[in-house]
Amino acid sequence: MLKIIVVLFMLIYLRINVYGEIRYSEYTNFSDWQEEEVEKSDLVDVEIEKRYKWYKVDKIEGTYSIENNNNIAFPYIDRNDYIIKEFPTYSIEKPALLPNRIIEEKMFYRYRHIYPIKYIHIMNVHSDFGKFGISELNIFIDNEKVDYNFNCGYCSVGFGTYINDNNIYQDNVYIGLDKTLTIDLNGYYDANRIKIDMYLYDPLLALKQYEIVFSPYPAVTRPQYFYKKNISYFFTNNIFEVKLFSHKIDQSWLKDVEWSDWNYSENYIGSSFSWEVEPQLLYRYKDTFYRYYKINKVYFNHNYYANVPGVEYKYKDIEQYKTFYRYRIRTILDNEDDGNNKDEQNVNIDNNEVINNDISYLNEGGQARIKDEIESNIVNDNCNANSMNEKVDKKDKKQTRSIELVFPPQLLYSIAQANKNSSINNKILGLDGGNKFSKISSIASFLVTVSFLIIIKRILW
């Protein structure tokens, strides 16, 4: 018995579709497109379309630039239009890493040298003989004898004739004591290529002294690149015993040199006292320069389109768009033609009072009552009850009962409220005050619910 009651109460809260499957009409034609949003539902079919502004591009070319190093007025890069510039000169400075830059590195030899020599100064000559006897003075460049010019502060008569005439046996050629002889080589020569041979004579055994300076400058007061002071004790018995003093510059001669700038060579250059050589890694690079340009957007017009509106206007501006909607509707078909028509019942909710054609229930003291009178046939002391008040007429073997059911008002209010909501939803769909089928369905559900309540009452009664 308890299970039957539970099942019946569960059925009370079910919305019973007494007419079977819902049938719909065909959709209407689609409406015109509109910007106002329409929501899709069971009765409303909606199509959505995004439309954009379309434009063509006027391209204005700028200059070629390294990537990301362009003029900001021309922000767009054309990778199909470029040139490659090579920089064949190697540099000691390593280039920065830039997009599309190719860097080459190679081992070179850097070198520098002391500036070449043009002048030889023989100065501060001294001899106890009273004069500095020098019978011959020869200059060699790469071991080859060369001519030269000279300037002497005080020298013997005919000094220029005898000093470089290849005759070493002469006693009448000399330089005055403490005087300077300056030799002009008539050209600049690296110091390690120069050799000087001096033939001296002196009949006295005494101190012989002189200083030699190699320099690119004619004035002895200027920087003295190479310097040597020579002091000797010797004598010659006769002219045929002249003594040779040969001088070739070496590291010991360095004094106040001036160096050239660094130069570079792929080939090794031997170092010396006048040449400095060291390995050095050098770099070179080549860059790709791209054409940069700017564009002007020329719009087709101020309208919005889903597709290309013109052949030239093929670019879509994805930031400028609008959303358009169009819809079509359908309705729920009535079932009046199916032979299942029933009298339509009016259900109104007003001040907690619900009125049906033959059934009324009122809220009295927080309770609701249903009163009804029905007739039923009695067979073998069994009866069917469709209401709660029952009156029996045994004479005619018919029994009429009057049954009154008292039940909570919340249940009836829920039923009525569901009916009311159904009508409101139908109005939103534009079904002219609510679909007749929906009303009948709600009323039928209400009647079935009441019938179940009467049966329950009867069982308990």
Foldseek 3Di string as FASTA:
>chain_A
DVVVVVVLVVLLPDQDQPVPDWDWDDWDDKDDKDQDDDDDDPFKDKDKFKWFWFWFKDWFWDDWDFPPPDDVVFPAFDPVFWDKDWDPDWAQDDDDDGPQKDKDKDKWKKKKFFWFFFKKKKFQWDDPLQWWFWQEKFKFFQHHTDDWDKDKPAWFPCQVVGHHPPDQQDGRTTHGHRIMMMIGRVDTDHQQRMKMKIWTAAADFDKTKIKMFTDNDRDPPPDGAFIDIDIDTDHDNHSVPIDMDMDGDALNRGDGTDMDDMDIGRDDDDAGSGMDMDMGMIMTMMGMITITIHIDIDTPDDDIGRADPDPSRHDTDPVGMGMIMMMIGMGTDDCPVVPPDDDFWDFDDDPLWTDTDQWTWDQDPQKIKTKDKDKWAADPNDTDDQAAAKAQDVVVNIIIGIGMDIDGSVSVVVLSVVLVVQQVVCVVSVPVRHDPSSSRSSVVSVSSSSRSVRVVSVVVD
